[in-house]
Amino acid sequence: MLYCNHVDQRSRRGSKFAHPRRYTCVLNPFLDYRASKCPSCLRQTFERKFALFIHIEGTGPIILGKTCKYCARCEMIFVNQPDVAAELGLVTGRPVEELDWMVLGTVDKRYWKARLGQGPATADTPAILVPFKDTRRVACG
């Protein structure tokens, strides 16, 4: 049985970001699990394109347009870690094993499309980032 457990996070009280927190991010490290049903409400998920704001240690922030499974009722995004890691390896030119990255939130798709190929402006981060309410990890048990 697969279930979601919480990832330890620092409290973000008194956030300096312009947008309120939205969505719960579920990181999926398994290749054979694709979240066809939401583990919270057991309804069917569907695919939706998100502009994910990812911080890569040693490189900086990047906005990656990624199609993820999504539960609209629970506002839960299922991010497949192997797929994202492979794309980040292509973008950075570094081996996937060397990458230390974290998905911090989402960005408005209009901003992402306008900055395509340029990367995010670091000074814009507080204004564009919509941080996640919670981050979880799919685990076997």
C-alpha atoms as a PDB file:
ATOM      1  CA  MET A   1       0.000   0.000   0.000  1.00  0.00           C
ATOM      2  CA  LEU A   2       1.270   3.462  -0.854  1.00  0.00           C
ATOM      3  CA  TYR A   3       0.622   6.432   1.375  1.00  0.00           C
ATOM      4  CA  CYS A   4       1.862   9.973   1.825  1.00  0.00           C
ATOM      5  CA  ASN A   5       3.941  11.064   4.777  1.00  0.00           C
ATOM      6  CA  HIS A   6       5.035  14.568   5.630  1.00  0.00           C
ATOM      7  CA  VAL A   7       8.463  15.890   4.752  1.00  0.00           C
ATOM      8  CA  ASP A   8      10.134  17.879   7.522  1.00  0.00           C
ATOM      9  CA  GLN A   9       9.949  21.567   6.710  1.00  0.00           C
ATOM     10  CA  ARG A  10      10.813  24.764   8.477  1.00  0.00           C
ATOM     11  CA  SER A  11       7.864  26.868   9.492  1.00  0.00           C
ATOM     12  CA  ARG A  12       7.159  29.670   7.019  1.00  0.00           C
ATOM     13  CA  ARG A  13       5.245  31.948   9.371  1.00  0.00           C
ATOM     14  CA  GLY A  14       5.616  35.589   8.575  1.00  0.00           C
ATOM     15  CA  SER A  15       6.300  34.671   4.967  1.00  0.00           C
ATOM     16  CA  LYS A  16       7.858  37.373   2.833  1.00  0.00           C
ATOM     17  CA  PHE A  17       6.162  36.061  -0.300  1.00  0.00           C
ATOM     18  CA  ALA A  18       3.459  38.109  -2.014  1.00  0.00           C
ATOM     19  CA  HIS A  19       1.142  35.143  -2.636  1.00  0.00           C
ATOM     20  CA  PRO A  20      -0.553  32.958  -0.024  1.00  0.00           C
ATOM     21  CA  ARG A  21       0.446  29.317   0.120  1.00  0.00           C
ATOM     22  CA  ARG A  22      -1.393  27.039  -2.243  1.00  0.00           C
ATOM     23  CA  TYR A  23      -1.358  23.348  -3.165  1.00  0.00           C
ATOM     24  CA  THR A  24       0.117  20.353  -1.421  1.00  0.00           C
ATOM     25  CA  CYS A  25       3.102  18.883  -3.238  1.00  0.00           C
ATOM     26  CA  VAL A  26       3.485  15.098  -3.185  1.00  0.00           C
ATOM     27  CA  LEU A  27       6.922  13.907  -4.289  1.00  0.00           C
ATOM     28  CA  ASN A  28       6.814  10.485  -5.927  1.00  0.00           C
ATOM     29  CA  PRO A  29      10.179   8.658  -6.075  1.00  0.00           C
ATOM     30  CA  PHE A  30       8.708   5.491  -7.643  1.00  0.00           C
ATOM     31  CA  LEU A  31       8.721   4.764 -11.384  1.00  0.00           C
ATOM     32  CA  ASP A  32       5.758   2.379 -11.257  1.00  0.00           C
ATOM     33  CA  TYR A  33       3.361   4.564  -9.219  1.00  0.00           C
ATOM     34  CA  ARG A  34       1.539   7.295 -11.159  1.00  0.00           C
ATOM     35  CA  ALA A  35      -1.179   8.464  -8.709  1.00  0.00           C
ATOM     36  CA  SER A  36      -4.279   7.583 -10.684  1.00  0.00           C
ATOM     37  CA  LYS A  37      -6.312   8.213  -7.508  1.00  0.00           C
ATOM     38  CA  CYS A  38      -5.810  10.769  -4.776  1.00  0.00           C
ATOM     39  CA  PRO A  39      -4.718   9.115  -1.500  1.00  0.00           C
ATOM     40  CA  SER A  40      -6.793  11.615   0.519  1.00  0.00           C
ATOM     41  CA  CYS A  41     -10.202  11.613  -1.183  1.00  0.00           C
ATOM     42  CA  LEU A  42      -9.806   8.510  -3.410  1.00  0.00           C
ATOM     43  CA  ARG A  43     -11.118  10.381  -6.457  1.00  0.00           C
ATOM     44  CA  GLN A  44      -9.500  10.073  -9.851  1.00  0.00           C
ATOM     45  CA  THR A  45      -6.653  12.513 -10.570  1.00  0.00           C
ATOM     46  CA  PHE A  46      -6.080  14.201 -13.913  1.00  0.00           C
ATOM     47  CA  GLU A  47      -3.095  15.708 -15.689  1.00  0.00           C
ATOM     48  CA  ARG A  48      -2.428  19.425 -15.506  1.00  0.00           C
ATOM     49  CA  LYS A  49       0.524  21.565 -16.560  1.00  0.00           C
ATOM     50  CA  PHE A  50       2.281  23.455 -13.758  1.00  0.00           C
ATOM     51  CA  ALA A  51       5.198  25.876 -13.790  1.00  0.00           C
ATOM     52  CA  LEU A  52       7.237  24.472 -10.887  1.00  0.00           C
ATOM     53  CA  PHE A  53       9.719  26.733  -9.093  1.00  0.00           C
ATOM     54  CA  ILE A  54      12.734  24.537  -8.311  1.00  0.00           C
ATOM     55  CA  HIS A  55      15.891  25.479  -6.438  1.00  0.00           C
ATOM     56  CA  ILE A  56      19.023  23.588  -7.517  1.00  0.00           C
ATOM     57  CA  GLU A  57      21.930  23.727  -5.082  1.00  0.00           C
ATOM     58  CA  GLY A  58      24.922  25.353  -6.765  1.00  0.00           C
ATOM     59  CA  THR A  59      22.907  26.532  -9.774  1.00  0.00           C
ATOM     60  CA  GLY A  60      20.040  28.571  -8.369  1.00  0.00           C
ATOM     61  CA  PRO A  61      16.345  28.737  -9.183  1.00  0.00           C
ATOM     62  CA  ILE A  62      14.738  27.370 -12.305  1.00  0.00           C
ATOM     63  CA  ILE A  63      11.145  27.290 -13.497  1.00  0.00           C
ATOM     64  CA  LEU A  64      10.222  23.980 -15.092  1.00  0.00           C
ATOM     65  CA  GLY A  65       6.969  23.482 -16.992  1.00  0.00           C
ATOM     66  CA  LYS A  66       5.831  20.007 -16.017  1.00  0.00           C
ATOM     67  CA  THR A  67       2.670  17.987 -16.543  1.00  0.00           C
ATOM     68  CA  CYS A  68       1.739  16.425 -13.198  1.00  0.00           C
ATOM     69  CA  LYS A  69      -1.165  14.450 -11.820  1.00  0.00           C
ATOM     70  CA  TYR A  70      -3.509  16.746  -9.887  1.00  0.00           C
ATOM     71  CA  CYS A  71      -6.444  16.381  -7.500  1.00  0.00           C
ATOM     72  CA  ALA A  72      -8.568  19.539  -7.710  1.00  0.00           C
ATOM     73  CA  ARG A  73     -10.624  18.700  -4.639  1.00  0.00           C
ATOM     74  CA  CYS A  74      -7.568  18.379  -2.351  1.00  0.00           C
ATOM     75  CA  GLU A  75      -5.379  20.798  -4.372  1.00  0.00           C
ATOM     76  CA  MET A  76      -2.688  18.110  -4.443  1.00  0.00           C
ATOM     77  CA  ILE A  77       0.064  18.016  -7.094  1.00  0.00           C
ATOM     78  CA  PHE A  78       1.892  14.706  -7.647  1.00  0.00           C
ATOM     79  CA  VAL A  79       5.454  15.390  -8.846  1.00  0.00           C
ATOM     80  CA  ASN A  80       7.349  12.389 -10.247  1.00  0.00           C
ATOM     81  CA  GLN A  81      10.906  12.801  -8.962  1.00  0.00           C
ATOM     82  CA  PRO A  82      12.680  10.628 -11.589  1.00  0.00           C
ATOM     83  CA  ASP A  83      11.087  12.595 -14.448  1.00  0.00           C
ATOM     84  CA  VAL A  84      11.947  15.980 -12.932  1.00  0.00           C
ATOM     85  CA  ALA A  85      15.501  14.873 -12.060  1.00  0.00           C
ATOM     86  CA  ALA A  86      16.086  13.699 -15.638  1.00  0.00           C
ATOM     87  CA  GLU A  87      14.902  17.033 -17.055  1.00  0.00           C
ATOM     88  CA  LEU A  88      17.014  18.993 -14.572  1.00  0.00           C
ATOM     89  CA  GLY A  89      20.031  16.910 -15.589  1.00  0.00           C
ATOM     90  CA  LEU A  90      19.455  17.891 -19.223  1.00  0.00           C
ATOM     91  CA  VAL A  91      18.982  21.572 -18.357  1.00  0.00           C
ATOM     92  CA  THR A  92      22.041  21.840 -16.102  1.00  0.00           C
ATOM     93  CA  GLY A  93      24.302  19.430 -18.006  1.00  0.00           C
ATOM     94  CA  ARG A  94      25.207  17.723 -14.732  1.00  0.00           C
ATOM     95  CA  PRO A  95      24.687  14.038 -13.848  1.00  0.00           C
ATOM     96  CA  VAL A  96      21.358  13.404 -12.113  1.00  0.00           C
ATOM     97  CA  GLU A  97      23.110  11.800  -9.127  1.00  0.00           C
ATOM     98  CA  GLU A  98      24.989  15.047  -8.390  1.00  0.00           C
ATOM     99  CA  LEU A  99      21.899  17.255  -8.361  1.00  0.00           C
ATOM    100  CA  ASP A 100      20.497  18.442  -5.045  1.00  0.00           C
ATOM    101  CA  TRP A 101      17.153  20.084  -5.769  1.00  0.00           C
ATOM    102  CA  MET A 102      13.911  21.064  -4.073  1.00  0.00           C
ATOM    103  CA  VAL A 103      10.493  22.048  -5.447  1.00  0.00           C
ATOM    104  CA  LEU A 104       9.493  25.189  -3.533  1.00  0.00           C
ATOM    105  CA  GLY A 105       6.196  26.088  -5.192  1.00  0.00           C
ATOM    106  CA  THR A 106       4.540  27.138  -8.410  1.00  0.00           C
ATOM    107  CA  VAL A 107       4.685  30.220 -10.606  1.00  0.00           C
ATOM    108  CA  ASP A 108       1.992  31.805 -12.752  1.00  0.00           C
ATOM    109  CA  LYS A 109       2.155  30.200 -16.211  1.00  0.00           C
ATOM    110  CA  ARG A 110       2.093  33.607 -17.929  1.00  0.00           C
ATOM    111  CA  TYR A 111       5.318  34.616 -16.124  1.00  0.00           C
ATOM    112  CA  TRP A 112       6.896  31.270 -17.006  1.00  0.00           C
ATOM    113  CA  LYS A 113       6.023  31.619 -20.702  1.00  0.00           C
ATOM    114  CA  ALA A 114       7.280  35.218 -20.794  1.00  0.00           C
ATOM    115  CA  ARG A 115      10.654  34.192 -19.294  1.00  0.00           C
ATOM    116  CA  LEU A 116      11.042  30.959 -21.280  1.00  0.00           C
ATOM    117  CA  GLY A 117      14.713  30.343 -22.001  1.00  0.00           C
ATOM    118  CA  GLN A 118      15.892  33.116 -19.660  1.00  0.00           C
ATOM    119  CA  GLY A 119      15.316  31.564 -16.233  1.00  0.00           C
ATOM    120  CA  PRO A 120      13.681  33.402 -13.353  1.00  0.00           C
ATOM    121  CA  ALA A 121      14.994  36.733 -12.186  1.00  0.00           C
ATOM    122  CA  THR A 122      16.230  36.069  -8.631  1.00  0.00           C
ATOM    123  CA  ALA A 123      15.065  39.499  -7.468  1.00  0.00           C
ATOM    124  CA  ASP A 124      11.516  38.610  -8.599  1.00  0.00           C
ATOM    125  CA  THR A 125      11.308  35.458  -6.454  1.00  0.00           C
ATOM    126  CA  PRO A 126       9.216  36.854  -3.559  1.00  0.00           C
ATOM    127  CA  ALA A 127       6.766  38.420  -6.024  1.00  0.00           C
ATOM    128  CA  ILE A 128       6.281  35.404  -8.321  1.00  0.00           C
ATOM    129  CA  LEU A 129       6.584  32.346  -6.077  1.00  0.00           C
ATOM    130  CA  VAL A 130       3.417  30.721  -4.758  1.00  0.00           C
ATOM    131  CA  PRO A 131       4.813  28.481  -1.983  1.00  0.00           C
ATOM    132  CA  PHE A 132       3.306  25.087  -1.191  1.00  0.00           C
ATOM    133  CA  LYS A 133       1.098  24.656   1.884  1.00  0.00           C
ATOM    134  CA  ASP A 134       2.707  21.292   2.548  1.00  0.00           C
ATOM    135  CA  THR A 135       5.172  18.879   0.991  1.00  0.00           C
ATOM    136  CA  ARG A 136       4.738  15.126   1.283  1.00  0.00           C
ATOM    137  CA  ARG A 137       6.535  12.068  -0.012  1.00  0.00           C
ATOM    138  CA  VAL A 138       4.987   8.846  -1.345  1.00  0.00           C
ATOM    139  CA  ALA A 139       6.163   5.927   0.768  1.00  0.00           C
ATOM    140  CA  CYS A 140       5.555   2.158   0.773  1.00  0.00           C
ATOM    141  CA  GLY A 141       4.044   0.582   3.782  1.00  0.00           C
END
